[in-house]
N, C-alpha and C. Protein backbone atom coordinates (compact mmCIF):
# COMPACT_ATOMS: atom_id res chain seq x y z
N MET A 1 -9.96 -11.47 8.82
CA MET A 1 -8.70 -11.29 9.50
C MET A 1 -8.21 -9.88 9.24
N GLU A 2 -7.53 -9.33 10.21
CA GLU A 2 -7.05 -7.95 10.13
C GLU A 2 -5.58 -7.90 10.50
N GLY A 3 -4.93 -6.86 10.01
CA GLY A 3 -3.55 -6.64 10.39
C GLY A 3 -3.12 -5.24 10.00
N SER A 4 -2.05 -4.78 10.61
CA SER A 4 -1.54 -3.46 10.27
C SER A 4 -0.03 -3.43 10.49
N ALA A 5 0.58 -2.44 9.88
CA ALA A 5 2.02 -2.23 10.05
C ALA A 5 2.31 -0.77 9.76
N LYS A 6 3.37 -0.27 10.38
CA LYS A 6 3.81 1.08 10.08
C LYS A 6 5.33 1.08 10.05
N GLN A 7 5.85 2.01 9.28
CA GLN A 7 7.29 2.08 9.14
C GLN A 7 7.69 3.47 8.67
N LYS A 8 8.79 3.95 9.19
CA LYS A 8 9.39 5.18 8.66
C LYS A 8 10.20 4.77 7.45
N VAL A 9 9.98 5.46 6.36
CA VAL A 9 10.70 5.15 5.12
C VAL A 9 11.87 6.11 4.97
N PRO A 10 12.80 5.79 4.08
CA PRO A 10 13.91 6.73 3.85
C PRO A 10 13.38 8.14 3.60
N GLY A 11 13.98 9.10 4.26
CA GLY A 11 13.48 10.47 4.20
C GLY A 11 12.65 10.82 5.41
N GLY A 12 12.35 9.80 6.26
CA GLY A 12 11.68 10.05 7.52
C GLY A 12 10.17 10.10 7.49
N LYS A 13 9.55 9.79 6.37
CA LYS A 13 8.08 9.81 6.30
C LYS A 13 7.52 8.50 6.86
N LEU A 14 6.37 8.60 7.52
CA LEU A 14 5.71 7.44 8.10
C LEU A 14 4.66 6.91 7.14
N VAL A 15 4.64 5.59 6.98
CA VAL A 15 3.60 4.92 6.20
C VAL A 15 2.92 3.92 7.13
N TYR A 16 1.60 3.98 7.17
CA TYR A 16 0.79 3.09 7.99
C TYR A 16 -0.19 2.37 7.07
N VAL A 17 -0.23 1.05 7.16
CA VAL A 17 -1.11 0.24 6.32
C VAL A 17 -1.97 -0.63 7.23
N ARG A 18 -3.27 -0.61 6.98
CA ARG A 18 -4.21 -1.47 7.69
C ARG A 18 -4.92 -2.32 6.63
N LEU A 19 -4.92 -3.63 6.84
CA LEU A 19 -5.51 -4.53 5.86
C LEU A 19 -6.60 -5.39 6.47
N SER A 20 -7.65 -5.65 5.68
CA SER A 20 -8.61 -6.71 5.95
C SER A 20 -8.28 -7.80 4.94
N VAL A 21 -8.11 -9.01 5.44
CA VAL A 21 -7.62 -10.10 4.61
C VAL A 21 -8.60 -11.27 4.66
N LEU A 22 -8.85 -11.85 3.50
CA LEU A 22 -9.73 -13.01 3.40
C LEU A 22 -9.00 -14.25 3.91
N PRO A 23 -9.72 -15.33 4.21
CA PRO A 23 -9.07 -16.54 4.71
C PRO A 23 -7.99 -17.10 3.78
N ASP A 24 -8.13 -16.86 2.47
CA ASP A 24 -7.10 -17.35 1.54
C ASP A 24 -5.92 -16.39 1.40
N ARG A 25 -5.87 -15.36 2.27
CA ARG A 25 -4.80 -14.38 2.38
C ARG A 25 -4.80 -13.31 1.29
N ARG A 26 -5.92 -13.24 0.53
CA ARG A 26 -6.05 -12.13 -0.42
C ARG A 26 -6.55 -10.90 0.31
N ILE A 27 -6.07 -9.74 -0.11
CA ILE A 27 -6.47 -8.49 0.52
C ILE A 27 -7.90 -8.16 0.11
N ALA A 28 -8.76 -7.98 1.10
CA ALA A 28 -10.15 -7.58 0.84
C ALA A 28 -10.25 -6.06 0.79
N LYS A 29 -9.54 -5.40 1.71
CA LYS A 29 -9.60 -3.95 1.80
C LYS A 29 -8.29 -3.44 2.40
N ALA A 30 -7.84 -2.31 1.89
CA ALA A 30 -6.61 -1.69 2.40
C ALA A 30 -6.87 -0.23 2.73
N VAL A 31 -6.22 0.23 3.77
CA VAL A 31 -6.20 1.65 4.12
C VAL A 31 -4.73 2.03 4.26
N ILE A 32 -4.33 3.05 3.50
CA ILE A 32 -2.94 3.51 3.52
C ILE A 32 -2.93 4.96 4.00
N LEU A 33 -2.21 5.18 5.10
CA LEU A 33 -2.13 6.50 5.71
C LEU A 33 -0.66 6.84 5.96
N GLY A 34 -0.41 8.08 6.32
CA GLY A 34 0.93 8.47 6.70
C GLY A 34 1.13 9.96 6.58
N ASP A 35 2.38 10.37 6.80
CA ASP A 35 2.67 11.80 6.70
C ASP A 35 3.33 12.16 5.37
N PHE A 36 3.13 11.31 4.38
CA PHE A 36 3.56 11.60 3.02
C PHE A 36 2.43 12.34 2.31
N PHE A 37 2.71 12.78 1.09
CA PHE A 37 1.70 13.50 0.30
C PHE A 37 1.46 12.77 -1.01
N ILE A 38 0.24 12.89 -1.50
CA ILE A 38 -0.10 12.39 -2.83
C ILE A 38 -1.01 13.42 -3.48
N TYR A 39 -0.74 13.68 -4.73
CA TYR A 39 -1.55 14.64 -5.47
C TYR A 39 -1.97 14.00 -6.77
N PRO A 40 -3.23 13.99 -7.12
CA PRO A 40 -4.37 14.46 -6.32
C PRO A 40 -4.62 13.52 -5.13
N GLU A 41 -5.18 14.08 -4.08
CA GLU A 41 -5.38 13.35 -2.84
C GLU A 41 -6.23 12.10 -2.99
N ASN A 42 -7.21 12.14 -3.88
CA ASN A 42 -8.10 10.99 -4.05
C ASN A 42 -7.40 9.80 -4.71
N ALA A 43 -6.19 9.98 -5.20
CA ALA A 43 -5.45 8.88 -5.84
C ALA A 43 -5.08 7.80 -4.84
N ILE A 44 -5.03 8.12 -3.55
CA ILE A 44 -4.71 7.10 -2.55
C ILE A 44 -5.79 6.02 -2.53
N ALA A 45 -7.04 6.40 -2.75
CA ALA A 45 -8.13 5.41 -2.79
C ALA A 45 -7.94 4.45 -3.96
N ASP A 46 -7.43 4.95 -5.08
CA ASP A 46 -7.17 4.08 -6.23
C ASP A 46 -6.02 3.12 -5.93
N ILE A 47 -5.01 3.60 -5.22
CA ILE A 47 -3.91 2.71 -4.83
C ILE A 47 -4.44 1.61 -3.92
N GLU A 48 -5.27 1.99 -2.95
CA GLU A 48 -5.85 0.99 -2.04
C GLU A 48 -6.65 -0.05 -2.81
N ARG A 49 -7.43 0.39 -3.80
CA ARG A 49 -8.21 -0.55 -4.61
C ARG A 49 -7.30 -1.41 -5.49
N SER A 50 -6.16 -0.85 -5.92
CA SER A 50 -5.28 -1.59 -6.84
C SER A 50 -4.65 -2.81 -6.20
N ILE A 51 -4.54 -2.82 -4.87
CA ILE A 51 -3.93 -3.98 -4.23
C ILE A 51 -4.98 -4.97 -3.70
N ALA A 52 -6.25 -4.59 -3.73
CA ALA A 52 -7.31 -5.51 -3.32
C ALA A 52 -7.30 -6.72 -4.25
N GLY A 53 -7.40 -7.88 -3.65
CA GLY A 53 -7.41 -9.12 -4.42
C GLY A 53 -6.04 -9.77 -4.55
N ILE A 54 -4.98 -9.05 -4.21
CA ILE A 54 -3.64 -9.62 -4.26
C ILE A 54 -3.38 -10.39 -2.97
N SER A 55 -2.78 -11.56 -3.11
CA SER A 55 -2.45 -12.39 -1.95
C SER A 55 -1.23 -11.84 -1.23
N LEU A 56 -1.27 -11.89 0.09
CA LEU A 56 -0.11 -11.49 0.87
C LEU A 56 1.07 -12.43 0.64
N ASP A 57 0.82 -13.57 0.02
CA ASP A 57 1.90 -14.52 -0.28
C ASP A 57 2.68 -14.12 -1.53
N GLU A 58 2.18 -13.15 -2.28
CA GLU A 58 2.90 -12.67 -3.47
C GLU A 58 4.16 -11.92 -3.05
N GLY A 59 5.09 -11.84 -3.97
CA GLY A 59 6.32 -11.10 -3.70
C GLY A 59 6.08 -9.60 -3.67
N GLU A 60 7.01 -8.90 -3.08
CA GLU A 60 6.91 -7.45 -2.96
C GLU A 60 6.75 -6.77 -4.33
N GLY A 61 7.39 -7.34 -5.35
CA GLY A 61 7.33 -6.76 -6.69
C GLY A 61 5.92 -6.68 -7.26
N VAL A 62 5.07 -7.62 -6.91
CA VAL A 62 3.69 -7.60 -7.39
C VAL A 62 2.97 -6.37 -6.85
N PHE A 63 3.21 -6.05 -5.59
CA PHE A 63 2.60 -4.87 -4.98
C PHE A 63 3.19 -3.59 -5.57
N VAL A 64 4.50 -3.57 -5.76
CA VAL A 64 5.14 -2.39 -6.37
C VAL A 64 4.53 -2.11 -7.73
N LYS A 65 4.38 -3.16 -8.54
CA LYS A 65 3.83 -3.01 -9.89
C LYS A 65 2.40 -2.47 -9.85
N ALA A 66 1.55 -3.01 -8.97
CA ALA A 66 0.16 -2.57 -8.87
C ALA A 66 0.08 -1.11 -8.41
N ILE A 67 0.89 -0.77 -7.42
CA ILE A 67 0.87 0.60 -6.90
C ILE A 67 1.39 1.58 -7.95
N ALA A 68 2.50 1.25 -8.58
CA ALA A 68 3.09 2.13 -9.61
C ALA A 68 2.13 2.32 -10.78
N LYS A 69 1.42 1.25 -11.17
CA LYS A 69 0.45 1.37 -12.27
C LYS A 69 -0.67 2.31 -11.88
N SER A 70 -1.15 2.19 -10.65
CA SER A 70 -2.22 3.07 -10.18
C SER A 70 -1.77 4.53 -10.19
N VAL A 71 -0.56 4.78 -9.71
CA VAL A 71 -0.02 6.15 -9.70
C VAL A 71 0.08 6.69 -11.13
N THR A 72 0.59 5.88 -12.03
CA THR A 72 0.72 6.29 -13.44
C THR A 72 -0.65 6.53 -14.07
N ASP A 73 -1.57 5.59 -13.85
CA ASP A 73 -2.91 5.71 -14.44
C ASP A 73 -3.62 6.98 -13.97
N ASP A 74 -3.39 7.38 -12.72
CA ASP A 74 -4.02 8.58 -12.17
C ASP A 74 -3.22 9.84 -12.46
N ASP A 75 -2.06 9.67 -13.10
CA ASP A 75 -1.14 10.80 -13.30
C ASP A 75 -0.90 11.50 -11.96
N ALA A 76 -0.71 10.67 -10.93
CA ALA A 76 -0.55 11.17 -9.57
C ALA A 76 0.93 11.37 -9.25
N GLU A 77 1.17 12.09 -8.18
CA GLU A 77 2.52 12.33 -7.71
C GLU A 77 2.60 11.96 -6.24
N LEU A 78 3.51 11.03 -5.92
CA LEU A 78 3.79 10.68 -4.53
C LEU A 78 4.95 11.53 -4.05
N ILE A 79 4.81 12.13 -2.89
CA ILE A 79 5.86 12.98 -2.33
C ILE A 79 6.21 12.44 -0.95
N GLY A 80 7.45 12.05 -0.78
CA GLY A 80 7.90 11.54 0.51
C GLY A 80 7.77 10.05 0.67
N VAL A 81 7.32 9.36 -0.36
CA VAL A 81 7.17 7.91 -0.32
C VAL A 81 7.21 7.38 -1.75
N THR A 82 7.56 6.13 -1.90
CA THR A 82 7.62 5.48 -3.21
C THR A 82 6.71 4.25 -3.21
N PRO A 83 6.36 3.75 -4.40
CA PRO A 83 5.61 2.49 -4.44
C PRO A 83 6.36 1.36 -3.72
N GLU A 84 7.68 1.37 -3.83
CA GLU A 84 8.48 0.34 -3.17
C GLU A 84 8.35 0.41 -1.65
N ALA A 85 8.34 1.62 -1.11
CA ALA A 85 8.21 1.79 0.34
C ALA A 85 6.84 1.33 0.83
N ILE A 86 5.81 1.67 0.08
CA ILE A 86 4.46 1.23 0.46
C ILE A 86 4.37 -0.29 0.41
N ALA A 87 4.92 -0.88 -0.65
CA ALA A 87 4.90 -2.34 -0.80
C ALA A 87 5.63 -3.02 0.36
N LYS A 88 6.73 -2.44 0.78
CA LYS A 88 7.51 -3.02 1.88
C LYS A 88 6.67 -3.04 3.17
N VAL A 89 5.93 -1.98 3.42
CA VAL A 89 5.08 -1.95 4.61
C VAL A 89 3.95 -2.97 4.48
N ILE A 90 3.36 -3.07 3.30
CA ILE A 90 2.30 -4.07 3.08
C ILE A 90 2.82 -5.46 3.40
N LYS A 91 4.00 -5.77 2.92
CA LYS A 91 4.57 -7.10 3.15
C LYS A 91 4.93 -7.34 4.61
N SER A 92 5.05 -6.29 5.41
CA SER A 92 5.38 -6.48 6.82
C SER A 92 4.14 -6.63 7.71
N VAL A 93 2.95 -6.53 7.12
CA VAL A 93 1.72 -6.68 7.90
C VAL A 93 1.60 -8.11 8.41
N VAL A 94 1.34 -8.22 9.70
CA VAL A 94 1.08 -9.51 10.31
C VAL A 94 -0.43 -9.60 10.53
N VAL A 95 -1.03 -10.63 9.95
CA VAL A 95 -2.49 -10.79 10.01
C VAL A 95 -2.84 -11.78 11.11
N THR A 96 -3.82 -11.38 11.92
CA THR A 96 -4.27 -12.28 12.99
C THR A 96 -5.77 -12.49 12.92
């Protein structure tokens, strides 16, 4: 199953999330794009991996925690977006 969502976050940056989801609603693969910045750039792949395996039925806070941990572990810097904003877009994905 696949789904995607996009949203302008406070500050006007766009976040686009595309998910592949298993039948039990766990995320198999995520792609996170947008006009925000992350340094180092490869840290976005770690964020995408950090949410793999999480069920879409989990609360937004579970995604925020996973994303924030990935950012901290990579000593990365998000510019123009927050873990909360990314989590909000993830939770708005409609899977078909």
